[in-house]
Amino acid sequence: MPFALHQSLSTKAELWVWKIKESEEELREGLHFHSRLEQRLAKLKAGSQRKGVLAVQQLLLKAGIDPITMQHDAAGIPRLPSQYISISHAKGYAAIALGSIPLGVDIEQLRDQVQRITSKFVHASENFAQTTSELIQLWTAKEAVYKAVEVPGIHLNQQLLVHPFEKASAEVCHPQKTQSYVLYFFDFDQHKATVALENP
Protein backbone atom coordinates (compact mmCIF):
# COMPACT_ATOMS: atom_id res chain seq x y z
CA MET A 1 0.00 0.00 0.00
CA PRO A 2 1.28 3.51 -0.79
CA PHE A 3 3.02 5.43 1.97
CA ALA A 4 4.63 8.81 1.41
CA LEU A 5 6.73 10.07 4.32
CA HIS A 6 7.90 9.63 7.88
CA GLN A 7 10.11 12.43 9.16
CA SER A 8 11.38 13.46 12.58
CA LEU A 9 10.91 17.21 12.95
CA SER A 10 12.82 17.55 16.21
CA THR A 11 13.51 15.37 19.21
CA LYS A 12 9.94 16.14 20.26
CA ALA A 13 7.81 15.54 17.17
CA GLU A 14 7.40 13.59 13.94
CA LEU A 15 5.28 13.72 10.81
CA TRP A 16 3.65 10.80 8.98
CA VAL A 17 2.07 11.29 5.53
CA TRP A 18 0.04 8.83 3.41
CA LYS A 19 -0.49 9.31 -0.34
CA ILE A 20 -3.97 7.93 -0.94
CA LYS A 21 -4.11 5.84 -4.09
CA GLU A 22 -6.06 2.86 -2.76
CA SER A 23 -9.74 2.08 -2.94
CA GLU A 24 -11.78 2.36 0.23
CA GLU A 25 -11.79 -1.43 0.51
CA GLU A 26 -7.99 -1.59 0.28
CA LEU A 27 -7.63 1.07 2.98
CA ARG A 28 -9.82 -1.01 5.28
CA GLU A 29 -7.37 -3.92 5.19
CA GLY A 30 -5.82 -4.70 8.57
CA LEU A 31 -7.98 -2.23 10.50
CA HIS A 32 -10.07 -3.03 13.55
CA PHE A 33 -13.48 -1.41 13.09
CA HIS A 34 -14.50 -0.37 16.58
CA SER A 35 -17.81 1.44 17.12
CA ARG A 36 -16.35 4.99 17.23
CA LEU A 37 -14.67 4.51 13.85
CA GLU A 38 -17.80 3.02 12.31
CA GLN A 39 -19.88 5.96 13.58
CA ARG A 40 -17.36 8.46 12.23
CA LEU A 41 -17.33 6.83 8.80
CA ALA A 42 -21.12 6.61 8.69
CA LYS A 43 -21.39 10.40 9.02
CA LEU A 44 -19.23 11.02 5.95
CA LYS A 45 -20.96 11.05 2.57
CA ALA A 46 -17.91 11.75 0.40
CA GLY A 47 -15.71 8.79 -0.45
CA SER A 48 -12.62 11.02 -0.36
CA GLN A 49 -13.38 11.95 3.26
CA ARG A 50 -13.84 8.33 4.28
CA LYS A 51 -10.54 7.47 2.57
CA GLY A 52 -8.87 10.25 4.54
CA VAL A 53 -10.16 8.86 7.84
CA LEU A 54 -9.07 5.33 6.89
CA ALA A 55 -5.62 6.55 5.80
CA VAL A 56 -5.20 8.22 9.21
CA GLN A 57 -5.99 4.87 10.83
CA GLN A 58 -3.32 3.24 8.65
CA LEU A 59 -0.81 5.94 9.63
CA LEU A 60 -1.46 5.27 13.30
CA LEU A 61 -0.61 1.62 12.71
CA LYS A 62 2.57 2.65 10.85
CA ALA A 63 3.51 4.78 13.85
CA GLY A 64 3.04 1.82 16.18
CA ILE A 65 -0.14 3.18 17.76
CA ASP A 66 -3.29 1.14 18.25
CA PRO A 67 -5.96 3.29 16.49
CA ILE A 68 -8.55 2.36 19.11
CA THR A 69 -6.59 4.45 21.66
CA MET A 70 -7.29 7.65 19.69
CA GLN A 71 -10.46 9.39 20.80
CA HIS A 72 -12.02 12.74 19.92
CA ASP A 73 -13.00 15.05 22.76
CA ALA A 74 -16.21 17.11 22.94
CA ALA A 75 -14.68 19.74 20.65
CA GLY A 76 -13.72 17.10 18.07
CA ILE A 77 -9.99 17.30 18.85
CA PRO A 78 -8.14 13.96 18.55
CA ARG A 79 -6.47 12.70 21.73
CA LEU A 80 -4.00 9.97 22.61
CA PRO A 81 -3.27 8.77 26.15
CA SER A 82 0.45 9.55 26.25
CA GLN A 83 1.31 12.07 23.51
CA TYR A 84 -0.06 14.92 21.44
CA ILE A 85 -1.57 14.19 18.05
CA SER A 86 -2.91 16.29 15.19
CA ILE A 87 -4.47 14.97 12.00
CA SER A 88 -5.35 16.36 8.59
CA HIS A 89 -6.47 15.06 5.24
CA ALA A 90 -7.10 16.60 1.85
CA LYS A 91 -8.00 14.95 -1.43
CA GLY A 92 -5.24 12.41 -2.09
CA TYR A 93 -3.28 12.82 1.17
CA ALA A 94 -3.58 12.23 4.91
CA ALA A 95 -1.16 13.33 7.63
CA ILE A 96 -0.63 12.90 11.34
CA ALA A 97 1.81 14.76 13.60
CA LEU A 98 2.84 13.17 16.89
CA GLY A 99 4.86 14.68 19.72
CA SER A 100 5.53 15.39 23.35
CA ILE A 101 4.56 19.07 23.00
CA PRO A 102 1.41 20.78 21.65
CA LEU A 103 1.38 20.67 17.85
CA GLY A 104 -0.79 20.93 14.77
CA VAL A 105 -0.68 19.76 11.16
CA ASP A 106 -2.61 20.85 8.10
CA ILE A 107 -2.44 19.73 4.48
CA GLU A 108 -4.33 21.41 1.64
CA GLN A 109 -4.65 21.01 -2.11
CA LEU A 110 -3.65 24.00 -4.25
CA ARG A 111 -6.87 25.78 -5.22
CA ASP A 112 -7.27 29.20 -6.85
CA GLN A 113 -10.41 29.82 -4.75
CA VAL A 114 -8.11 30.81 -1.87
CA GLN A 115 -7.59 34.16 -3.61
CA ARG A 116 -11.23 35.04 -2.88
CA ILE A 117 -11.06 34.56 0.89
CA THR A 118 -7.77 36.25 1.77
CA SER A 119 -9.51 38.90 3.92
CA LYS A 120 -10.65 36.13 6.26
CA PHE A 121 -7.19 34.90 7.19
CA VAL A 122 -4.43 37.23 5.88
CA HIS A 123 -3.06 40.02 8.11
CA ALA A 124 -1.70 43.20 6.51
CA SER A 125 1.83 42.21 7.59
CA GLU A 126 1.56 38.92 5.64
CA ASN A 127 1.80 40.54 2.20
CA PHE A 128 4.71 38.19 1.41
CA ALA A 129 2.01 35.67 0.41
CA GLN A 130 0.57 36.63 -2.99
CA THR A 131 0.41 33.63 -5.30
CA THR A 132 -2.03 30.76 -4.88
CA SER A 133 0.84 28.52 -3.75
CA GLU A 134 2.00 31.05 -1.14
CA LEU A 135 -1.52 31.67 0.14
CA ILE A 136 -2.22 27.96 0.53
CA GLN A 137 1.06 27.60 2.43
CA LEU A 138 0.01 30.49 4.66
CA TRP A 139 -3.41 28.92 5.18
CA THR A 140 -1.90 25.58 6.22
CA ALA A 141 0.42 27.40 8.63
CA LYS A 142 -2.50 29.20 10.26
CA GLU A 143 -4.60 26.05 10.46
CA ALA A 144 -1.70 24.10 11.98
CA VAL A 145 -1.10 26.79 14.62
CA TYR A 146 -4.84 27.03 15.31
CA LYS A 147 -4.92 23.30 16.03
CA ALA A 148 -1.85 23.54 18.26
CA VAL A 149 -3.09 26.48 20.33
CA GLU A 150 -6.56 25.01 21.06
CA VAL A 151 -8.18 28.35 21.86
CA PRO A 152 -11.56 28.71 20.12
CA GLY A 153 -12.53 31.94 18.42
CA ILE A 154 -9.08 33.14 17.37
CA HIS A 155 -9.28 35.60 14.48
CA LEU A 156 -6.83 34.22 11.93
CA ASN A 157 -6.42 37.61 10.23
CA GLN A 158 -5.73 39.51 13.45
CA GLN A 159 -4.55 37.34 16.35
CA LEU A 160 -2.51 34.67 14.57
CA LEU A 161 0.46 36.02 12.65
CA VAL A 162 2.85 34.07 10.43
CA HIS A 163 6.26 35.59 9.78
CA PRO A 164 7.86 35.45 6.30
CA PHE A 165 8.28 31.80 5.38
CA GLU A 166 12.08 31.81 5.67
CA LYS A 167 11.70 32.59 9.39
CA ALA A 168 9.53 29.47 9.86
CA SER A 169 7.68 30.90 12.84
CA ALA A 170 4.32 32.25 13.95
CA GLU A 171 2.74 33.75 17.02
CA VAL A 172 -0.67 33.93 18.65
CA CYS A 173 -1.67 37.06 20.56
CA HIS A 174 -5.03 36.36 22.17
CA PRO A 175 -6.48 37.37 25.56
CA GLN A 176 -6.44 33.71 26.63
CA LYS A 177 -3.00 32.86 25.30
CA THR A 178 0.17 34.42 23.88
CA GLN A 179 2.49 31.85 22.36
CA SER A 180 5.07 31.44 19.59
CA TYR A 181 5.39 28.44 17.26
CA VAL A 182 8.05 26.86 15.07
CA LEU A 183 6.81 25.94 11.58
CA TYR A 184 7.87 23.16 9.23
CA PHE A 185 6.76 23.48 5.58
CA PHE A 186 6.23 20.66 3.07
CA ASP A 187 5.27 20.23 -0.60
CA PHE A 188 3.46 17.14 -1.89
CA ASP A 189 2.51 17.20 -5.57
CA GLN A 190 -0.30 19.79 -5.76
CA HIS A 191 -0.51 20.07 -1.98
CA LYS A 192 1.08 22.19 0.74
CA ALA A 193 1.47 21.16 4.36
CA THR A 194 2.64 22.75 7.59
CA VAL A 195 3.43 21.37 11.03
CA ALA A 196 3.40 23.83 13.95
CA LEU A 197 5.23 23.05 17.21
CA GLU A 198 4.79 25.08 20.37
CA ASN A 199 7.95 27.01 21.25
CA PRO A 200 8.95 26.17 24.84
C-alpha atoms as a PDB file:
ATOM      1  CA  MET A   1       0.000   0.000   0.000  1.00  0.00           C
ATOM      2  CA  PRO A   2       1.280   3.507  -0.786  1.00  0.00           C
ATOM      3  CA  PHE A   3       3.016   5.432   1.972  1.00  0.00           C
ATOM      4  CA  ALA A   4       4.631   8.815   1.412  1.00  0.00           C
ATOM      5  CA  LEU A   5       6.732  10.074   4.316  1.00  0.00           C
ATOM      6  CA  HIS A   6       7.899   9.631   7.881  1.00  0.00           C
ATOM      7  CA  GLN A   7      10.112  12.431   9.165  1.00  0.00           C
ATOM      8  CA  SER A   8      11.377  13.462  12.583  1.00  0.00           C
ATOM      9  CA  LEU A   9      10.912  17.207  12.954  1.00  0.00           C
ATOM     10  CA  SER A  10      12.818  17.546  16.209  1.00  0.00           C
ATOM     11  CA  THR A  11      13.506  15.366  19.213  1.00  0.00           C
ATOM     12  CA  LYS A  12       9.941  16.138  20.262  1.00  0.00           C
ATOM     13  CA  ALA A  13       7.812  15.540  17.165  1.00  0.00           C
ATOM     14  CA  GLU A  14       7.404  13.591  13.939  1.00  0.00           C
ATOM     15  CA  LEU A  15       5.282  13.721  10.805  1.00  0.00           C
ATOM     16  CA  TRP A  16       3.652  10.804   8.980  1.00  0.00           C
ATOM     17  CA  VAL A  17       2.067  11.285   5.534  1.00  0.00           C
ATOM     18  CA  TRP A  18       0.044   8.829   3.412  1.00  0.00           C
ATOM     19  CA  LYS A  19      -0.492   9.311  -0.335  1.00  0.00           C
ATOM     20  CA  ILE A  20      -3.966   7.927  -0.939  1.00  0.00           C
ATOM     21  CA  LYS A  21      -4.109   5.843  -4.087  1.00  0.00           C
ATOM     22  CA  GLU A  22      -6.055   2.861  -2.763  1.00  0.00           C
ATOM     23  CA  SER A  23      -9.743   2.076  -2.945  1.00  0.00           C
ATOM     24  CA  GLU A  24     -11.780   2.363   0.226  1.00  0.00           C
ATOM     25  CA  GLU A  25     -11.786  -1.433   0.508  1.00  0.00           C
ATOM     26  CA  GLU A  26      -7.988  -1.586   0.278  1.00  0.00           C
ATOM     27  CA  LEU A  27      -7.630   1.074   2.982  1.00  0.00           C
ATOM     28  CA  ARG A  28      -9.823  -1.006   5.284  1.00  0.00           C
ATOM     29  CA  GLU A  29      -7.365  -3.917   5.192  1.00  0.00           C
ATOM     30  CA  GLY A  30      -5.820  -4.704   8.567  1.00  0.00           C
ATOM     31  CA  LEU A  31      -7.976  -2.226  10.500  1.00  0.00           C
ATOM     32  CA  HIS A  32     -10.075  -3.030  13.553  1.00  0.00           C
ATOM     33  CA  PHE A  33     -13.477  -1.414  13.090  1.00  0.00           C
ATOM     34  CA  HIS A  34     -14.501  -0.372  16.581  1.00  0.00           C
ATOM     35  CA  SER A  35     -17.809   1.445  17.118  1.00  0.00           C
ATOM     36  CA  ARG A  36     -16.345   4.987  17.235  1.00  0.00           C
ATOM     37  CA  LEU A  37     -14.666   4.506  13.853  1.00  0.00           C
ATOM     38  CA  GLU A  38     -17.804   3.017  12.305  1.00  0.00           C
ATOM     39  CA  GLN A  39     -19.880   5.960  13.578  1.00  0.00           C
ATOM     40  CA  ARG A  40     -17.361   8.459  12.230  1.00  0.00           C
ATOM     41  CA  LEU A  41     -17.327   6.833   8.797  1.00  0.00           C
ATOM     42  CA  ALA A  42     -21.124   6.606   8.693  1.00  0.00           C
ATOM     43  CA  LYS A  43     -21.389  10.403   9.024  1.00  0.00           C
ATOM     44  CA  LEU A  44     -19.226  11.022   5.953  1.00  0.00           C
ATOM     45  CA  LYS A  45     -20.961  11.055   2.574  1.00  0.00           C
ATOM     46  CA  ALA A  46     -17.914  11.754   0.402  1.00  0.00           C
ATOM     47  CA  GLY A  47     -15.709   8.790  -0.447  1.00  0.00           C
ATOM     48  CA  SER A  48     -12.621  11.019  -0.363  1.00  0.00           C
ATOM     49  CA  GLN A  49     -13.384  11.953   3.258  1.00  0.00           C
ATOM     50  CA  ARG A  50     -13.839   8.326   4.278  1.00  0.00           C
ATOM     51  CA  LYS A  51     -10.545   7.472   2.574  1.00  0.00           C
ATOM     52  CA  GLY A  52      -8.871  10.251   4.539  1.00  0.00           C
ATOM     53  CA  VAL A  53     -10.161   8.860   7.839  1.00  0.00           C
ATOM     54  CA  LEU A  54      -9.073   5.333   6.889  1.00  0.00           C
ATOM     55  CA  ALA A  55      -5.621   6.551   5.800  1.00  0.00           C
ATOM     56  CA  VAL A  56      -5.203   8.219   9.207  1.00  0.00           C
ATOM     57  CA  GLN A  57      -5.985   4.867  10.830  1.00  0.00           C
ATOM     58  CA  GLN A  58      -3.316   3.236   8.646  1.00  0.00           C
ATOM     59  CA  LEU A  59      -0.810   5.936   9.634  1.00  0.00           C
ATOM     60  CA  LEU A  60      -1.460   5.269  13.305  1.00  0.00           C
ATOM     61  CA  LEU A  61      -0.609   1.615  12.707  1.00  0.00           C
ATOM     62  CA  LYS A  62       2.567   2.653  10.846  1.00  0.00           C
ATOM     63  CA  ALA A  63       3.513   4.781  13.851  1.00  0.00           C
ATOM     64  CA  GLY A  64       3.040   1.824  16.183  1.00  0.00           C
ATOM     65  CA  ILE A  65      -0.140   3.180  17.762  1.00  0.00           C
ATOM     66  CA  ASP A  66      -3.290   1.136  18.249  1.00  0.00           C
ATOM     67  CA  PRO A  67      -5.956   3.288  16.493  1.00  0.00           C
ATOM     68  CA  ILE A  68      -8.551   2.364  19.107  1.00  0.00           C
ATOM     69  CA  THR A  69      -6.585   4.446  21.656  1.00  0.00           C
ATOM     70  CA  MET A  70      -7.289   7.653  19.691  1.00  0.00           C
ATOM     71  CA  GLN A  71     -10.461   9.390  20.800  1.00  0.00           C
ATOM     72  CA  HIS A  72     -12.024  12.736  19.922  1.00  0.00           C
ATOM     73  CA  ASP A  73     -13.003  15.051  22.756  1.00  0.00           C
ATOM     74  CA  ALA A  74     -16.212  17.112  22.944  1.00  0.00           C
ATOM     75  CA  ALA A  75     -14.681  19.738  20.652  1.00  0.00           C
ATOM     76  CA  GLY A  76     -13.723  17.100  18.074  1.00  0.00           C
ATOM     77  CA  ILE A  77      -9.994  17.298  18.850  1.00  0.00           C
ATOM     78  CA  PRO A  78      -8.144  13.961  18.547  1.00  0.00           C
ATOM     79  CA  ARG A  79      -6.468  12.705  21.726  1.00  0.00           C
ATOM     80  CA  LEU A  80      -4.001   9.967  22.607  1.00  0.00           C
ATOM     81  CA  PRO A  81      -3.272   8.766  26.153  1.00  0.00           C
ATOM     82  CA  SER A  82       0.446   9.555  26.251  1.00  0.00           C
ATOM     83  CA  GLN A  83       1.305  12.069  23.515  1.00  0.00           C
ATOM     84  CA  TYR A  84      -0.058  14.920  21.442  1.00  0.00           C
ATOM     85  CA  ILE A  85      -1.574  14.193  18.048  1.00  0.00           C
ATOM     86  CA  SER A  86      -2.910  16.290  15.190  1.00  0.00           C
ATOM     87  CA  ILE A  87      -4.473  14.970  12.001  1.00  0.00           C
ATOM     88  CA  SER A  88      -5.351  16.362   8.587  1.00  0.00           C
ATOM     89  CA  HIS A  89      -6.472  15.060   5.239  1.00  0.00           C
ATOM     90  CA  ALA A  90      -7.099  16.604   1.846  1.00  0.00           C
ATOM     91  CA  LYS A  91      -8.002  14.948  -1.434  1.00  0.00           C
ATOM     92  CA  GLY A  92      -5.242  12.412  -2.087  1.00  0.00           C
ATOM     93  CA  TYR A  93      -3.283  12.817   1.168  1.00  0.00           C
ATOM     94  CA  ALA A  94      -3.581  12.226   4.909  1.00  0.00           C
ATOM     95  CA  ALA A  95      -1.161  13.328   7.632  1.00  0.00           C
ATOM     96  CA  ILE A  96      -0.626  12.899  11.339  1.00  0.00           C
ATOM     97  CA  ALA A  97       1.806  14.755  13.599  1.00  0.00           C
ATOM     98  CA  LEU A  98       2.838  13.171  16.895  1.00  0.00           C
ATOM     99  CA  GLY A  99       4.857  14.677  19.718  1.00  0.00           C
ATOM    100  CA  SER A 100       5.532  15.385  23.352  1.00  0.00           C
ATOM    101  CA  ILE A 101       4.556  19.072  23.002  1.00  0.00           C
ATOM    102  CA  PRO A 102       1.407  20.781  21.650  1.00  0.00           C
ATOM    103  CA  LEU A 103       1.378  20.673  17.850  1.00  0.00           C
ATOM    104  CA  GLY A 104      -0.792  20.932  14.768  1.00  0.00           C
ATOM    105  CA  VAL A 105      -0.681  19.757  11.162  1.00  0.00           C
ATOM    106  CA  ASP A 106      -2.612  20.852   8.101  1.00  0.00           C
ATOM    107  CA  ILE A 107      -2.436  19.727   4.480  1.00  0.00           C
ATOM    108  CA  GLU A 108      -4.330  21.406   1.640  1.00  0.00           C
ATOM    109  CA  GLN A 109      -4.645  21.009  -2.111  1.00  0.00           C
ATOM    110  CA  LEU A 110      -3.653  23.996  -4.246  1.00  0.00           C
ATOM    111  CA  ARG A 111      -6.867  25.779  -5.222  1.00  0.00           C
ATOM    112  CA  ASP A 112      -7.275  29.204  -6.847  1.00  0.00           C
ATOM    113  CA  GLN A 113     -10.406  29.822  -4.750  1.00  0.00           C
ATOM    114  CA  VAL A 114      -8.107  30.807  -1.872  1.00  0.00           C
ATOM    115  CA  GLN A 115      -7.590  34.163  -3.611  1.00  0.00           C
ATOM    116  CA  ARG A 116     -11.228  35.044  -2.881  1.00  0.00           C
ATOM    117  CA  ILE A 117     -11.065  34.558   0.892  1.00  0.00           C
ATOM    118  CA  THR A 118      -7.771  36.247   1.770  1.00  0.00           C
ATOM    119  CA  SER A 119      -9.511  38.898   3.916  1.00  0.00           C
ATOM    120  CA  LYS A 120     -10.653  36.130   6.256  1.00  0.00           C
ATOM    121  CA  PHE A 121      -7.185  34.899   7.191  1.00  0.00           C
ATOM    122  CA  VAL A 122      -4.426  37.227   5.883  1.00  0.00           C
ATOM    123  CA  HIS A 123      -3.064  40.024   8.112  1.00  0.00           C
ATOM    124  CA  ALA A 124      -1.695  43.199   6.506  1.00  0.00           C
ATOM    125  CA  SER A 125       1.831  42.208   7.590  1.00  0.00           C
ATOM    126  CA  GLU A 126       1.559  38.921   5.640  1.00  0.00           C
ATOM    127  CA  ASN A 127       1.800  40.543   2.199  1.00  0.00           C
ATOM    128  CA  PHE A 128       4.709  38.190   1.407  1.00  0.00           C
ATOM    129  CA  ALA A 129       2.005  35.671   0.411  1.00  0.00           C
ATOM    130  CA  GLN A 130       0.573  36.630  -2.987  1.00  0.00           C
ATOM    131  CA  THR A 131       0.408  33.625  -5.304  1.00  0.00           C
ATOM    132  CA  THR A 132      -2.030  30.758  -4.881  1.00  0.00           C
ATOM    133  CA  SER A 133       0.836  28.520  -3.747  1.00  0.00           C
ATOM    134  CA  GLU A 134       2.001  31.046  -1.140  1.00  0.00           C
ATOM    135  CA  LEU A 135      -1.520  31.671   0.135  1.00  0.00           C
ATOM    136  CA  ILE A 136      -2.220  27.962   0.526  1.00  0.00           C
ATOM    137  CA  GLN A 137       1.058  27.599   2.425  1.00  0.00           C
ATOM    138  CA  LEU A 138       0.009  30.494   4.664  1.00  0.00           C
ATOM    139  CA  TRP A 139      -3.415  28.922   5.179  1.00  0.00           C
ATOM    140  CA  THR A 140      -1.896  25.579   6.216  1.00  0.00           C
ATOM    141  CA  ALA A 141       0.423  27.399   8.628  1.00  0.00           C
ATOM    142  CA  LYS A 142      -2.496  29.200  10.259  1.00  0.00           C
ATOM    143  CA  GLU A 143      -4.597  26.050  10.462  1.00  0.00           C
ATOM    144  CA  ALA A 144      -1.696  24.096  11.985  1.00  0.00           C
ATOM    145  CA  VAL A 145      -1.097  26.787  14.616  1.00  0.00           C
ATOM    146  CA  TYR A 146      -4.836  27.032  15.312  1.00  0.00           C
ATOM    147  CA  LYS A 147      -4.917  23.302  16.025  1.00  0.00           C
ATOM    148  CA  ALA A 148      -1.853  23.541  18.258  1.00  0.00           C
ATOM    149  CA  VAL A 149      -3.086  26.481  20.334  1.00  0.00           C
ATOM    150  CA  GLU A 150      -6.562  25.008  21.063  1.00  0.00           C
ATOM    151  CA  VAL A 151      -8.184  28.348  21.861  1.00  0.00           C
ATOM    152  CA  PRO A 152     -11.560  28.707  20.118  1.00  0.00           C
ATOM    153  CA  GLY A 153     -12.529  31.938  18.424  1.00  0.00           C
ATOM    154  CA  ILE A 154      -9.079  33.143  17.375  1.00  0.00           C
ATOM    155  CA  HIS A 155      -9.280  35.599  14.481  1.00  0.00           C
ATOM    156  CA  LEU A 156      -6.829  34.217  11.933  1.00  0.00           C
ATOM    157  CA  ASN A 157      -6.421  37.606  10.232  1.00  0.00           C
ATOM    158  CA  GLN A 158      -5.728  39.513  13.455  1.00  0.00           C
ATOM    159  CA  GLN A 159      -4.554  37.342  16.353  1.00  0.00           C
ATOM    160  CA  LEU A 160      -2.510  34.674  14.565  1.00  0.00           C
ATOM    161  CA  LEU A 161       0.457  36.025  12.646  1.00  0.00           C
ATOM    162  CA  VAL A 162       2.852  34.068  10.428  1.00  0.00           C
ATOM    163  CA  HIS A 163       6.261  35.592   9.778  1.00  0.00           C
ATOM    164  CA  PRO A 164       7.856  35.448   6.300  1.00  0.00           C
ATOM    165  CA  PHE A 165       8.279  31.800   5.382  1.00  0.00           C
ATOM    166  CA  GLU A 166      12.079  31.812   5.668  1.00  0.00           C
ATOM    167  CA  LYS A 167      11.701  32.592   9.393  1.00  0.00           C
ATOM    168  CA  ALA A 168       9.531  29.473   9.862  1.00  0.00           C
ATOM    169  CA  SER A 169       7.681  30.905  12.842  1.00  0.00           C
ATOM    170  CA  ALA A 170       4.320  32.252  13.947  1.00  0.00           C
ATOM    171  CA  GLU A 171       2.737  33.753  17.024  1.00  0.00           C
ATOM    172  CA  VAL A 172      -0.665  33.932  18.650  1.00  0.00           C
ATOM    173  CA  CYS A 173      -1.668  37.060  20.562  1.00  0.00           C
ATOM    174  CA  HIS A 174      -5.032  36.360  22.175  1.00  0.00           C
ATOM    175  CA  PRO A 175      -6.476  37.371  25.564  1.00  0.00           C
ATOM    176  CA  GLN A 176      -6.442  33.707  26.627  1.00  0.00           C
ATOM    177  CA  LYS A 177      -3.000  32.860  25.302  1.00  0.00           C
ATOM    178  CA  THR A 178       0.167  34.417  23.884  1.00  0.00           C
ATOM    179  CA  GLN A 179       2.492  31.845  22.355  1.00  0.00           C
ATOM    180  CA  SER A 180       5.074  31.436  19.586  1.00  0.00           C
ATOM    181  CA  TYR A 181       5.392  28.436  17.264  1.00  0.00           C
ATOM    182  CA  VAL A 182       8.051  26.857  15.067  1.00  0.00           C
ATOM    183  CA  LEU A 183       6.814  25.945  11.581  1.00  0.00           C
ATOM    184  CA  TYR A 184       7.869  23.158   9.228  1.00  0.00           C
ATOM    185  CA  PHE A 185       6.756  23.480   5.584  1.00  0.00           C
ATOM    186  CA  PHE A 186       6.228  20.656   3.074  1.00  0.00           C
ATOM    187  CA  ASP A 187       5.266  20.235  -0.602  1.00  0.00           C
ATOM    188  CA  PHE A 188       3.462  17.137  -1.888  1.00  0.00           C
ATOM    189  CA  ASP A 189       2.515  17.202  -5.573  1.00  0.00           C
ATOM    190  CA  GLN A 190      -0.295  19.787  -5.763  1.00  0.00           C
ATOM    191  CA  HIS A 191      -0.510  20.073  -1.984  1.00  0.00           C
ATOM    192  CA  LYS A 192       1.077  22.186   0.738  1.00  0.00           C
ATOM    193  CA  ALA A 193       1.466  21.159   4.360  1.00  0.00           C
ATOM    194  CA  THR A 194       2.636  22.746   7.591  1.00  0.00           C
ATOM    195  CA  VAL A 195       3.425  21.368  11.034  1.00  0.00           C
ATOM    196  CA  ALA A 196       3.403  23.829  13.948  1.00  0.00           C
ATOM    197  CA  LEU A 197       5.229  23.052  17.210  1.00  0.00           C
ATOM    198  CA  GLU A 198       4.794  25.084  20.368  1.00  0.00           C
ATOM    199  CA  ASN A 199       7.947  27.015  21.246  1.00  0.00           C
ATOM    200  CA  PRO A 200       8.946  26.168  24.840  1.00  0.00           C
END
